[in-house]
Amino acid sequence: MRLFGTDGVRGRAGEFLDSFLAMRLAMAAGIYFKDKTVTNNILVGKDTRRSGYMIENAIVSGLTSIGYNVIQVGPMPTPAIAFLTEDMRCDAGIMISASHNPYFDNGIKFFDSQGNKLSEEIERKIEEIYFNDTIIEANKAEMEQIGRAKRIDDVIGRYIVSIKNSFPKTLTLKPLRVVLDTAHGAAYRVAPTIFRELGAEVIVMNENPNGLNINENCGALHPANLALEVKKLRADVGFAFDGDADRLVVVDEKGVVANGDSLIGVLALYLKEQGKLRASVVATIMSNGALREFLNKNGIELETCNVGDKFVLEKLKACGGNFGGEQSGHIIFSDYAKTGDGLIAALQFSALMLSKKKSASAILGHIKPYPQLLSNLKISQKKDLGKLKGLKELKAELDKKGIASLFRYSGTENLIRLLLEARDLKLLEREMKGVEAFFKKALND
């Protein structure tokens, strides 16, 4: 049984991800990190889901039971936990969040002492410990060896300072009217604070979490209401975050939701023009063909990797780069953060607008993405796509028609994601019907 998916351990809270799994997983992770301990402290943060209380207490119980001390910092963005883990010299960090998923899901993400997400090899080692009763029993602490836990509520200031330092000191946000949609999530306090302190006129939406409304018809996955608000208030730009604030969606002053690849492209060019872009830009295999064309036209190379911001970061390290992202809104400025950070990306786009003295629509209009269709198809079984009869021929036929294709399974659900891209939208719509029919038959027998 695999516990880890594409981004930590995630599932329905109280069912798959219950307090018992969370406690034992924390014990397994703590046992793994014990060999490398320096401070014997592990940082734990969460987003605003109600199930976070249950999972946080279980994690604290698991860690203290094997002798670790725990620092609890409450609701904070995922990139804040990555930053604070390193800044506070902790052996590891844990974020309790299911990111953009509905409130009834939750997840557990781990960071090492440098604030990096764990490699698949380390995740496998933690899984091996999790399923080994002998190792778990042998590492239980007793008496004075049992760990302690304390809650610290004022570390948000450290993260705010680090985020503000990513914004050029020669600029101010005073000229901008900005609408922020915090998705009733982890950015509900920190995002408005940062933008106001930097001088912007700020209007905030969806900043009242009740534990059950995170991501509900709001935030990065549902930017339509933000778009209406930006137009109504004649704002310069709108920024929508997801539940743990590692993802950003931009809405221009006309109420148009920006394509994620367009955002990556213009930010990459902005970095190059400042002389700050190192090596290639990294995007995922789902990136739009128009992104590569735009970058290459401006003398910037593009490298691709598997879906997931941790794979973007791994590729950046391998090629010596410092910028990349996913079209879904995870954007990594590795000079400032170890993971996708929606707040840093929002500030960098604001700086681009101010330095160019151009509107959001004028900047984003430089890239015209090719039409893409994405279908999330429910399936009953996940067969090896490399051995799926007829798939090679299907892809070859699509390629003949000028259609780029990408088919991959969801890491957390019984879904296959079908992505088609071409210059002709009507052609895509016709061909998607055949593609869906193929996979329905092949994966539901």
Protein backbone atom coordinates (compact mmCIF):
# COMPACT_ATOMS: atom_id res chain seq x y z
CA MET A 1 0.00 0.00 0.00
CA ARG A 2 1.32 3.43 -0.98
CA LEU A 3 0.75 6.30 1.45
CA PHE A 4 2.47 9.12 -0.42
CA GLY A 5 1.00 10.60 -3.58
CA THR A 6 2.25 13.38 -5.81
CA ASP A 7 2.39 15.87 -2.92
CA GLY A 8 2.57 14.19 0.48
CA VAL A 9 -0.15 12.02 1.99
CA ARG A 10 -3.69 13.11 1.13
CA GLY A 11 -7.21 11.74 1.47
CA ARG A 12 -10.64 12.03 3.05
CA ALA A 13 -10.19 13.25 6.63
CA GLY A 14 -11.54 10.83 9.21
CA GLU A 15 -11.62 7.98 6.68
CA PHE A 16 -8.31 7.24 4.98
CA LEU A 17 -6.54 10.06 6.77
CA ASP A 18 -7.69 9.48 10.34
CA SER A 19 -5.97 10.25 13.64
CA PHE A 20 -4.39 6.79 13.82
CA LEU A 21 -2.72 7.08 10.41
CA ALA A 22 -1.56 10.64 11.21
CA MET A 23 -0.04 9.59 14.55
CA ARG A 24 1.79 6.57 13.15
CA LEU A 25 2.96 8.52 10.08
CA ALA A 26 4.36 11.20 12.38
CA MET A 27 6.15 8.52 14.39
CA ALA A 28 7.62 7.02 11.20
CA ALA A 29 8.78 10.41 9.91
CA GLY A 30 10.21 11.31 13.32
CA ILE A 31 12.14 8.03 13.46
CA TYR A 32 13.59 8.75 10.01
CA PHE A 33 14.66 12.29 10.95
CA LYS A 34 16.08 11.20 14.35
CA ASP A 35 19.23 9.92 12.65
CA LYS A 36 19.93 13.44 11.41
CA THR A 37 18.73 15.42 14.42
CA VAL A 38 20.41 18.70 15.33
CA THR A 39 17.87 20.58 17.46
CA ASN A 40 15.35 17.78 18.17
CA ASN A 41 12.55 20.16 17.12
CA ILE A 42 9.95 19.63 14.40
CA LEU A 43 7.70 22.47 13.19
CA VAL A 44 4.00 21.81 12.55
CA GLY A 45 1.63 24.15 10.71
CA LYS A 46 -1.78 23.78 9.08
CA ASP A 47 -4.39 25.48 6.94
CA THR A 48 -7.92 26.33 8.12
CA ARG A 49 -9.74 22.97 7.75
CA ARG A 50 -11.63 21.77 10.80
CA SER A 51 -9.99 18.36 10.53
CA GLY A 52 -6.68 20.11 11.09
CA TYR A 53 -7.33 20.07 14.84
CA MET A 54 -7.68 16.28 14.84
CA ILE A 55 -4.67 15.65 12.63
CA GLU A 56 -2.44 18.20 14.36
CA ASN A 57 -3.06 16.66 17.79
CA ALA A 58 -2.39 13.18 16.40
CA ILE A 59 0.88 14.33 14.83
CA VAL A 60 1.99 16.02 18.05
CA SER A 61 1.18 12.82 19.96
CA GLY A 62 3.15 10.70 17.49
CA LEU A 63 6.22 12.94 17.48
CA THR A 64 6.40 13.42 21.24
CA SER A 65 5.92 9.68 21.77
CA ILE A 66 9.23 8.99 20.03
CA GLY A 67 11.05 11.82 21.80
CA TYR A 68 10.70 14.81 19.49
CA ASN A 69 9.82 18.32 20.64
CA VAL A 70 7.14 20.02 18.56
CA ILE A 71 6.65 23.68 17.69
CA GLN A 72 3.07 24.45 16.60
CA VAL A 73 2.51 27.65 14.62
CA GLY A 74 -1.17 27.34 13.65
CA PRO A 75 -2.66 28.38 10.29
CA MET A 76 0.12 29.40 7.90
CA PRO A 77 0.76 29.04 4.15
CA THR A 78 2.68 25.97 3.01
CA PRO A 79 5.65 28.06 1.80
CA ALA A 80 5.76 29.69 5.25
CA ILE A 81 6.29 26.28 6.85
CA ALA A 82 9.11 25.57 4.39
CA PHE A 83 10.72 28.91 5.25
CA LEU A 84 10.21 28.68 9.01
CA THR A 85 11.54 25.12 9.23
CA GLU A 86 14.92 26.33 7.99
CA ASP A 87 14.76 29.74 9.68
CA MET A 88 14.00 28.25 13.12
CA ARG A 89 16.65 25.52 12.71
CA CYS A 90 14.17 22.64 12.99
CA ASP A 91 15.04 19.09 11.99
CA ALA A 92 11.92 18.93 9.81
CA GLY A 93 8.64 20.66 9.08
CA ILE A 94 5.12 19.32 8.63
CA MET A 95 2.23 21.08 6.88
CA ILE A 96 -1.31 19.82 7.37
CA SER A 97 -3.22 20.75 4.24
CA ALA A 98 -5.01 19.33 1.21
CA SER A 99 -4.13 22.46 -0.75
CA HIS A 100 -6.90 23.20 -3.28
CA ASN A 101 -9.10 20.23 -2.30
CA PRO A 102 -12.49 20.66 -0.55
CA TYR A 103 -12.63 20.95 3.25
CA PHE A 104 -13.47 17.26 3.78
CA ASP A 105 -10.03 16.23 2.46
CA ASN A 106 -6.78 16.85 4.26
CA GLY A 107 -3.13 16.02 3.80
CA ILE A 108 0.29 15.89 5.41
CA LYS A 109 3.36 17.35 3.69
CA PHE A 110 6.92 17.03 4.98
CA PHE A 111 9.97 19.27 4.63
CA ASP A 112 13.58 18.55 5.53
CA SER A 113 15.73 20.86 7.67
CA GLN A 114 16.50 23.08 4.65
CA GLY A 115 12.80 23.53 3.87
CA ASN A 116 12.82 21.22 0.85
CA LYS A 117 10.03 18.78 0.05
CA LEU A 118 11.11 15.18 0.47
CA SER A 119 12.34 13.08 -2.43
CA GLU A 120 10.43 9.97 -3.44
CA GLU A 121 13.29 7.87 -2.03
CA ILE A 122 12.90 9.43 1.44
CA GLU A 123 9.11 9.03 1.25
CA ARG A 124 9.60 5.31 0.54
CA LYS A 125 11.88 5.00 3.58
CA ILE A 126 9.25 6.64 5.80
CA GLU A 127 6.62 4.26 4.41
CA GLU A 128 8.84 1.28 5.23
CA ILE A 129 9.14 2.47 8.84
CA TYR A 130 5.37 3.10 9.00
CA PHE A 131 4.60 -0.53 8.15
CA ASN A 132 7.30 -2.01 10.43
CA ASP A 133 5.85 -2.71 13.90
CA THR A 134 9.25 -3.71 15.28
CA ILE A 135 10.88 -0.37 14.42
CA ILE A 136 7.89 1.62 15.71
CA GLU A 137 7.87 -0.26 19.04
CA ALA A 138 11.64 0.00 19.47
CA ASN A 139 11.59 3.79 19.13
CA LYS A 140 8.89 4.64 21.67
CA ALA A 141 10.22 7.05 24.29
CA GLU A 142 9.71 6.66 28.04
CA MET A 143 9.73 8.90 31.08
CA GLU A 144 11.98 11.97 30.64
CA GLN A 145 12.71 11.04 27.01
CA ILE A 146 9.13 11.82 25.95
CA GLY A 147 9.03 15.04 23.94
CA ARG A 148 7.31 18.36 24.64
CA ALA A 149 5.08 20.60 22.53
CA LYS A 150 4.62 24.36 22.55
CA ARG A 151 2.55 26.74 20.46
CA ILE A 152 4.10 29.94 19.09
CA ASP A 153 1.69 32.48 17.63
CA ASP A 154 4.02 35.31 16.59
CA VAL A 155 6.22 33.64 13.95
CA ILE A 156 4.02 35.07 11.19
CA GLY A 157 6.16 38.22 11.42
CA ARG A 158 9.28 36.33 10.28
CA TYR A 159 7.51 35.10 7.16
CA ILE A 160 6.08 38.55 6.38
CA VAL A 161 9.55 40.09 6.55
CA SER A 162 10.98 37.41 4.23
CA ILE A 163 8.17 37.92 1.69
CA LYS A 164 8.52 41.72 1.73
CA ASN A 165 12.26 41.35 1.12
CA SER A 166 11.44 39.70 -2.23
CA PHE A 167 9.80 42.95 -3.40
CA PRO A 168 12.12 45.64 -4.86
CA LYS A 169 12.89 48.27 -2.23
CA THR A 170 12.81 50.96 -4.94
CA LEU A 171 9.09 50.34 -5.57
CA THR A 172 5.88 50.85 -3.62
CA LEU A 173 2.44 49.36 -4.17
CA LYS A 174 0.76 52.72 -3.51
CA PRO A 175 -0.35 53.18 -7.15
CA LEU A 176 -2.27 49.88 -7.14
CA ARG A 177 -5.79 48.94 -6.11
CA VAL A 178 -5.62 45.20 -5.51
CA VAL A 179 -8.34 42.63 -4.81
CA LEU A 180 -7.19 39.55 -2.87
CA ASP A 181 -9.17 36.29 -2.68
CA THR A 182 -7.69 34.27 0.17
CA ALA A 183 -10.06 31.30 -0.29
CA HIS A 184 -10.91 31.24 3.45
CA GLY A 185 -7.52 29.59 3.69
CA ALA A 186 -4.06 29.90 5.16
CA ALA A 187 -3.34 33.31 3.59
CA TYR A 188 -6.34 35.05 5.17
CA ARG A 189 -4.17 37.03 7.60
CA VAL A 190 -0.77 37.22 5.98
CA ALA A 191 -1.72 38.27 2.41
CA PRO A 192 -3.68 41.44 3.32
CA THR A 193 -1.02 42.41 5.86
CA ILE A 194 1.81 42.22 3.31
CA PHE A 195 0.01 44.14 0.58
CA ARG A 196 -1.14 46.85 2.96
CA GLU A 197 2.30 47.26 4.52
CA LEU A 198 3.75 47.72 1.02
CA GLY A 199 1.25 50.50 0.34
CA ALA A 200 -1.47 49.00 -1.84
CA GLU A 201 -5.16 49.82 -1.58
CA VAL A 202 -6.44 46.38 -0.65
CA ILE A 203 -9.88 44.82 -0.93
CA VAL A 204 -10.08 41.31 0.56
CA MET A 205 -12.53 38.55 -0.35
CA ASN A 206 -13.18 35.23 1.37
CA GLU A 207 -11.11 35.93 4.48
CA ASN A 208 -13.43 34.42 7.11
CA PRO A 209 -12.56 30.73 7.52
CA ASN A 210 -14.94 28.59 9.57
CA GLY A 211 -13.21 25.26 8.98
CA LEU A 212 -15.71 24.16 6.35
CA ASN A 213 -15.58 26.86 3.66
CA ILE A 214 -11.96 26.63 2.49
CA ASN A 215 -11.78 26.72 -1.35
CA GLU A 216 -15.60 26.67 -1.56
CA ASN A 217 -16.50 28.49 -4.78
CA CYS A 218 -13.57 30.84 -4.23
CA GLY A 219 -9.81 31.17 -4.51
CA ALA A 220 -7.49 29.95 -7.25
CA LEU A 221 -9.81 27.18 -8.44
CA HIS A 222 -12.86 29.46 -8.72
CA PRO A 223 -11.67 32.93 -9.83
CA ALA A 224 -14.94 34.00 -11.50
CA ASN A 225 -16.20 35.93 -8.47
CA LEU A 226 -12.83 37.65 -8.12
CA ALA A 227 -13.02 38.65 -11.79
CA LEU A 228 -16.43 40.27 -11.21
CA GLU A 229 -15.13 42.12 -8.16
CA VAL A 230 -12.06 43.43 -9.97
CA LYS A 231 -14.22 44.89 -12.74
CA LYS A 232 -16.85 46.28 -10.38
CA LEU A 233 -14.30 48.04 -8.17
CA ARG A 234 -12.13 49.13 -11.13
CA ALA A 235 -9.14 47.52 -9.51
CA ASP A 236 -5.77 47.25 -11.23
CA VAL A 237 -5.36 43.55 -10.60
CA GLY A 238 -6.79 40.61 -8.64
CA PHE A 239 -4.88 37.79 -6.98
CA ALA A 240 -6.50 34.49 -5.98
CA PHE A 241 -4.75 31.98 -3.73
CA ASP A 242 -5.65 28.39 -2.92
CA GLY A 243 -6.19 26.95 0.55
CA ASP A 244 -2.52 26.74 1.49
CA ALA A 245 -1.41 29.77 -0.59
CA ASP A 246 1.25 28.03 -2.66
CA ARG A 247 -0.75 28.67 -5.83
CA LEU A 248 -1.62 31.94 -7.58
CA VAL A 249 -4.17 32.93 -10.22
CA VAL A 250 -4.07 36.47 -11.65
CA VAL A 251 -7.08 38.42 -12.91
CA ASP A 252 -6.38 41.50 -15.05
CA GLU A 253 -8.17 44.85 -14.80
CA LYS A 254 -10.69 43.75 -17.47
CA GLY A 255 -11.75 40.75 -15.38
CA VAL A 256 -9.92 38.24 -17.58
CA VAL A 257 -8.40 35.26 -15.77
CA ALA A 258 -4.77 34.88 -16.84
CA ASN A 259 -3.47 31.64 -18.26
CA GLY A 260 -0.89 30.12 -15.92
CA ASP A 261 1.65 29.59 -18.70
CA SER A 262 1.26 33.22 -19.78
CA LEU A 263 2.07 34.27 -16.23
CA ILE A 264 5.18 32.08 -16.17
CA GLY A 265 6.31 33.50 -19.51
CA VAL A 266 6.06 37.20 -18.64
CA LEU A 267 7.65 36.69 -15.21
CA ALA A 268 10.54 34.79 -16.79
CA LEU A 269 11.14 37.62 -19.25
CA TYR A 270 10.96 40.16 -16.39
CA LEU A 271 13.68 38.25 -14.55
CA LYS A 272 15.84 38.09 -17.67
CA GLU A 273 15.49 41.82 -18.29
CA GLN A 274 16.71 42.45 -14.75
CA GLY A 275 19.67 40.14 -15.26
CA LYS A 276 18.36 37.81 -12.56
CA LEU A 277 17.37 34.75 -14.60
CA ARG A 278 19.82 31.87 -14.32
CA ALA A 279 19.94 29.03 -16.86
CA SER A 280 16.69 27.55 -18.20
CA VAL A 281 13.11 28.08 -17.12
CA VAL A 282 11.44 24.87 -15.91
CA ALA A 283 7.78 24.01 -16.51
CA THR A 284 5.87 20.72 -16.45
CA ILE A 285 4.92 18.42 -19.29
CA MET A 286 1.46 20.04 -19.18
CA SER A 287 2.79 23.45 -20.23
CA ASN A 288 1.34 25.13 -23.31
CA GLY A 289 3.31 25.07 -26.55
CA ALA A 290 2.93 28.84 -26.80
CA LEU A 291 5.05 29.22 -23.65
CA ARG A 292 8.05 27.53 -25.25
CA GLU A 293 7.66 29.64 -28.40
CA PHE A 294 7.49 32.88 -26.38
CA LEU A 295 10.52 32.01 -24.27
CA ASN A 296 12.62 30.82 -27.20
CA LYS A 297 11.75 34.00 -29.14
CA ASN A 298 13.19 35.95 -26.20
CA GLY A 299 16.34 33.84 -25.96
CA ILE A 300 15.20 31.75 -22.98
CA GLU A 301 15.43 27.96 -22.92
CA LEU A 302 12.61 25.84 -21.45
CA GLU A 303 13.05 22.47 -19.78
CA THR A 304 10.15 20.27 -18.69
CA CYS A 305 9.55 17.83 -15.84
CA ASN A 306 6.78 15.74 -14.31
CA VAL A 307 3.73 17.42 -12.77
CA GLY A 308 4.33 18.68 -9.22
CA ASP A 309 6.16 21.72 -7.90
CA LYS A 310 8.72 19.53 -6.11
CA PHE A 311 9.73 18.11 -9.50
CA VAL A 312 10.05 21.64 -10.87
CA LEU A 313 12.39 22.47 -7.99
CA GLU A 314 14.43 19.29 -8.49
CA LYS A 315 14.85 20.12 -12.19
CA LEU A 316 15.86 23.70 -11.35
CA LYS A 317 18.57 22.40 -9.04
CA ALA A 318 19.77 19.97 -11.71
CA CYS A 319 20.03 22.64 -14.44
CA GLY A 320 21.17 25.49 -12.18
CA GLY A 321 18.02 27.53 -12.76
CA ASN A 322 16.11 29.77 -10.38
CA PHE A 323 12.65 30.13 -11.91
CA GLY A 324 9.89 27.78 -13.01
CA GLY A 325 6.35 26.67 -12.33
CA GLU A 326 3.17 24.90 -13.29
CA GLN A 327 0.31 26.27 -15.35
CA SER A 328 -1.95 25.51 -12.36
CA GLY A 329 -0.37 28.45 -10.53
CA HIS A 330 2.55 26.98 -8.57
CA ILE A 331 5.34 29.43 -9.38
CA ILE A 332 8.81 29.02 -7.91
CA PHE A 333 11.29 31.84 -7.43
CA SER A 334 13.98 29.70 -5.85
CA ASP A 335 16.06 32.74 -4.86
CA TYR A 336 13.27 33.56 -2.40
CA ALA A 337 11.44 30.30 -1.62
CA LYS A 338 11.87 26.51 -1.55
CA THR A 339 8.40 25.82 -2.92
CA GLY A 340 5.67 27.49 -4.95
CA ASP A 341 4.63 30.68 -3.13
CA GLY A 342 1.53 32.55 -4.30
CA LEU A 343 2.42 35.68 -2.34
CA ILE A 344 5.92 36.00 -3.81
CA ALA A 345 4.53 35.44 -7.32
CA ALA A 346 1.83 38.08 -6.74
CA LEU A 347 4.39 40.62 -5.55
CA GLN A 348 6.70 39.91 -8.49
CA PHE A 349 3.84 40.41 -10.94
CA SER A 350 2.94 43.66 -9.15
CA ALA A 351 6.57 44.79 -9.47
CA LEU A 352 6.46 43.95 -13.18
CA MET A 353 3.34 46.13 -13.65
CA LEU A 354 4.88 49.01 -11.73
CA SER A 355 8.32 48.90 -13.36
CA LYS A 356 6.84 48.69 -16.87
CA LYS A 357 4.04 51.15 -16.05
CA LYS A 358 1.68 48.89 -17.95
CA SER A 359 -1.68 47.32 -17.13
CA ALA A 360 -2.00 43.64 -16.28
CA SER A 361 -3.84 42.96 -19.54
CA ALA A 362 -1.15 44.66 -21.64
CA ILE A 363 1.58 42.58 -20.00
CA LEU A 364 -0.23 39.24 -20.17
CA GLY A 365 -1.37 39.88 -23.75
CA HIS A 366 2.14 39.18 -25.06
CA ILE A 367 1.43 35.43 -24.95
CA LYS A 368 -1.52 33.84 -26.73
CA PRO A 369 -1.79 30.25 -25.43
CA TYR A 370 -2.95 27.56 -27.82
CA PRO A 371 -6.34 26.03 -27.02
CA GLN A 372 -6.16 23.17 -24.54
CA LEU A 373 -8.84 20.79 -23.35
CA LEU A 374 -8.49 18.95 -20.04
CA SER A 375 -10.88 16.16 -19.10
CA ASN A 376 -10.78 14.44 -15.70
CA LEU A 377 -12.26 11.03 -16.38
CA LYS A 378 -13.41 8.75 -13.56
CA ILE A 379 -12.10 5.20 -13.91
CA SER A 380 -12.35 1.93 -12.02
CA GLN A 381 -8.73 0.80 -12.35
CA LYS A 382 -5.29 2.27 -13.07
CA LYS A 383 -3.61 0.03 -15.63
CA ASP A 384 -0.03 0.56 -16.76
CA LEU A 385 -0.38 3.12 -19.57
CA GLY A 386 2.84 1.88 -21.16
CA LYS A 387 1.19 -1.49 -21.76
CA LEU A 388 -2.32 -0.29 -22.64
CA LYS A 389 -3.37 -1.86 -25.94
CA GLY A 390 -4.08 0.69 -28.66
CA LEU A 391 -2.75 3.73 -26.78
CA LYS A 392 0.40 4.08 -28.86
CA GLU A 393 -1.69 4.09 -32.05
CA LEU A 394 -4.13 6.63 -30.57
CA LYS A 395 -1.31 9.04 -29.72
CA ALA A 396 0.23 8.61 -33.16
CA GLU A 397 -3.11 9.43 -34.82
CA LEU A 398 -3.51 12.56 -32.70
CA ASP A 399 0.04 13.62 -33.53
CA LYS A 400 -0.71 13.31 -37.27
CA LYS A 401 -3.57 15.77 -36.80
CA GLY A 402 -1.30 18.29 -35.07
CA ILE A 403 -2.64 17.54 -31.58
CA ALA A 404 -0.28 17.29 -28.62
CA SER A 405 -1.52 14.89 -25.95
CA LEU A 406 -0.74 14.03 -22.35
CA PHE A 407 -2.49 11.30 -20.37
CA ARG A 408 -1.71 10.72 -16.69
CA TYR A 409 -3.38 9.34 -13.58
CA SER A 410 -4.32 11.50 -10.62
CA GLY A 411 -2.08 10.81 -7.64
CA THR A 412 -4.93 11.01 -5.13
CA GLU A 413 -8.14 9.97 -6.93
CA ASN A 414 -9.40 7.30 -9.35
CA LEU A 415 -9.11 9.69 -12.26
CA ILE A 416 -7.16 9.90 -15.47
CA ARG A 417 -6.35 13.40 -16.69
CA LEU A 418 -6.63 13.77 -20.45
CA LEU A 419 -4.97 16.86 -21.95
CA LEU A 420 -5.13 17.78 -25.63
CA GLU A 421 -3.60 20.86 -27.27
CA ALA A 422 -3.83 22.24 -30.81
CA ARG A 423 -4.40 25.48 -32.67
CA ASP A 424 -7.99 24.52 -33.59
CA LEU A 425 -10.44 24.32 -30.66
CA LYS A 426 -13.18 22.63 -32.69
CA LEU A 427 -10.76 19.90 -33.71
CA LEU A 428 -9.88 19.40 -30.03
CA GLU A 429 -13.52 19.10 -29.02
CA ARG A 430 -14.16 16.46 -31.69
CA GLU A 431 -11.08 14.44 -30.85
CA MET A 432 -11.60 14.60 -27.07
CA LYS A 433 -14.83 12.60 -27.47
CA GLY A 434 -12.91 9.76 -29.08
CA VAL A 435 -10.14 9.91 -26.49
CA GLU A 436 -12.64 9.74 -23.62
CA ALA A 437 -14.41 6.80 -25.25
CA PHE A 438 -11.08 4.96 -25.62
CA PHE A 439 -10.16 5.32 -21.93
CA LYS A 440 -13.68 4.59 -20.67
CA LYS A 441 -13.52 1.25 -22.43
CA ALA A 442 -9.90 0.49 -21.57
CA LEU A 443 -10.00 1.38 -17.87
CA ASN A 444 -13.50 0.39 -16.77
CA ASP A 445 -13.64 -3.27 -17.78
